[in-house]
Amino acid sequence: FPPQDSDTTIPIDETLQFNESLQSAHRGMDDLIGSGTNILQGLRDQRVTLKGTQKKILDVANMLGLSNTVMRLIEKRAFQDKYFMIGGMILTCVIMFLVVQYLT
C-alpha cells in the first residue's frame, strides 16, 4: 500500500480540541446561569426582608401616633426631595460647564 495523502487523514486532534473547548464553554454558561439564579434568589430574599422591615416601621409609626396621612406626607416629601436633588445636581453641572467654557 502506498502512503496516504494528507487529504485523506482525519483531523482528530482539531476535532477533539474543538469538542473540549465547546464543553468548556458549556460548563461556563452553566456556571453563569447558576450564578445568575443565586443572585436572583438573593434579591428576592432581600425584597422579602425589606418588605417585612417596612411593615414593622409602619407598625411602630402607627404605635407612636403617626397617622397614615402623616406617613403619606413624609413619603411624598421624600419623593419630591429626590427631584429637587436631581434638579440641583443638573443645575450645578450646567453652571460648572458654563464656568469652564467662559474661563478657558
Protein backbone atom coordinates (compact mmCIF):
# COMPACT_ATOMS: atom_id res chain seq x y z
CA PHE A 1 0.00 0.00 0.00
CA PRO A 2 1.29 3.46 -0.81
CA PRO A 3 1.43 6.10 1.96
CA GLN A 4 -1.78 8.08 2.43
CA ASP A 5 -2.16 11.64 1.28
CA SER A 6 -2.78 14.40 3.80
CA ASP A 7 -6.19 14.96 2.18
CA THR A 8 -7.49 11.63 3.44
CA THR A 9 -6.39 11.99 7.08
CA ILE A 10 -8.98 12.73 9.74
CA PRO A 11 -8.21 15.85 11.80
CA ILE A 12 -8.99 14.12 15.09
CA ASP A 13 -6.79 16.41 17.20
CA GLU A 14 -8.52 19.56 15.96
CA THR A 15 -11.94 17.99 16.45
CA LEU A 16 -11.01 16.87 19.95
CA GLN A 17 -9.78 20.36 20.85
CA PHE A 18 -12.95 21.89 19.40
CA ASN A 19 -15.07 19.45 21.44
CA GLU A 20 -13.14 20.24 24.64
CA SER A 21 -13.49 23.98 24.13
CA LEU A 22 -17.20 23.54 23.39
CA GLN A 23 -17.65 21.56 26.61
CA SER A 24 -15.69 24.21 28.49
CA ALA A 25 -17.95 26.93 27.10
CA HIS A 26 -20.99 24.83 28.05
CA ARG A 27 -19.71 24.47 31.64
CA GLY A 28 -19.02 28.20 31.74
CA MET A 29 -22.56 29.00 30.65
CA ASP A 30 -23.94 26.58 33.25
CA ASP A 31 -21.87 28.32 35.92
CA LEU A 32 -23.07 31.71 34.69
CA ILE A 33 -26.71 30.63 34.77
CA GLY A 34 -26.25 29.15 38.24
CA SER A 35 -24.65 32.36 39.46
CA GLY A 36 -27.49 34.41 37.99
CA THR A 37 -30.04 32.16 39.66
CA ASN A 38 -28.32 32.56 43.02
CA ILE A 39 -28.19 36.35 42.62
CA LEU A 40 -31.87 36.47 41.68
CA GLN A 41 -32.79 34.35 44.70
CA GLY A 42 -30.73 36.63 46.92
CA LEU A 43 -32.56 39.68 45.56
CA ARG A 44 -35.91 38.01 46.21
CA ASP A 45 -34.87 37.25 49.79
CA GLN A 46 -33.77 40.87 50.26
CA ARG A 47 -37.11 42.11 48.90
CA VAL A 48 -38.99 39.96 51.39
CA THR A 49 -36.76 41.21 54.20
CA LEU A 50 -37.20 44.85 53.18
CA LYS A 51 -40.98 44.46 52.90
CA GLY A 52 -41.05 43.00 56.39
CA THR A 53 -38.89 45.83 57.68
CA GLN A 54 -41.12 48.44 56.05
CA LYS A 55 -44.19 46.83 57.62
CA LYS A 56 -42.54 46.85 61.03
CA ILE A 57 -41.56 50.51 60.64
CA LEU A 58 -45.12 51.42 59.69
CA ASP A 59 -46.42 49.46 62.68
CA VAL A 60 -44.03 51.27 65.01
CA ALA A 61 -45.00 54.61 63.49
CA ASN A 62 -48.67 53.82 64.00
CA MET A 63 -47.97 52.86 67.60
CA LEU A 64 -46.22 56.20 68.11
CA GLY A 65 -49.34 58.01 66.99
CA LEU A 66 -48.32 58.97 63.49
CA SER A 67 -51.33 58.71 61.26
CA ASN A 68 -51.34 57.26 57.77
CA THR A 69 -51.82 60.77 56.42
CA VAL A 70 -48.63 61.98 58.05
CA MET A 71 -46.76 58.91 56.78
CA ARG A 72 -48.01 59.59 53.24
CA LEU A 73 -46.93 63.21 53.52
CA ILE A 74 -43.47 62.11 54.65
CA GLU A 75 -43.19 59.67 51.73
CA LYS A 76 -44.41 62.35 49.29
CA ARG A 77 -41.87 64.81 50.65
CA ALA A 78 -39.06 62.28 50.25
CA PHE A 79 -40.19 61.69 46.64
CA GLN A 80 -40.22 65.45 45.94
CA ASP A 81 -36.85 65.92 47.62
CA LYS A 82 -35.37 63.38 45.23
CA TYR A 83 -36.44 65.51 42.25
CA PHE A 84 -35.09 68.67 43.89
CA MET A 85 -31.77 66.92 44.45
CA ILE A 86 -31.57 65.73 40.84
CA GLY A 87 -32.51 69.21 39.58
CA GLY A 88 -29.86 70.78 41.80
CA MET A 89 -27.24 68.36 40.54
CA ILE A 90 -28.11 69.14 36.93
CA LEU A 91 -28.09 72.88 37.61
CA THR A 92 -24.70 72.59 39.31
CA CYS A 93 -23.28 70.67 36.36
CA VAL A 94 -24.62 73.26 33.92
CA ILE A 95 -23.09 76.11 35.95
CA MET A 96 -19.75 74.29 36.16
CA PHE A 97 -19.84 73.68 32.39
CA LEU A 98 -20.59 77.34 31.68
CA VAL A 99 -17.81 78.49 34.02
CA VAL A 100 -15.31 76.19 32.31
CA GLN A 101 -16.49 77.31 28.85
CA TYR A 102 -16.21 81.04 29.60
CA LEU A 103 -12.98 80.89 31.61
CA THR A 104 -11.00 78.84 29.12
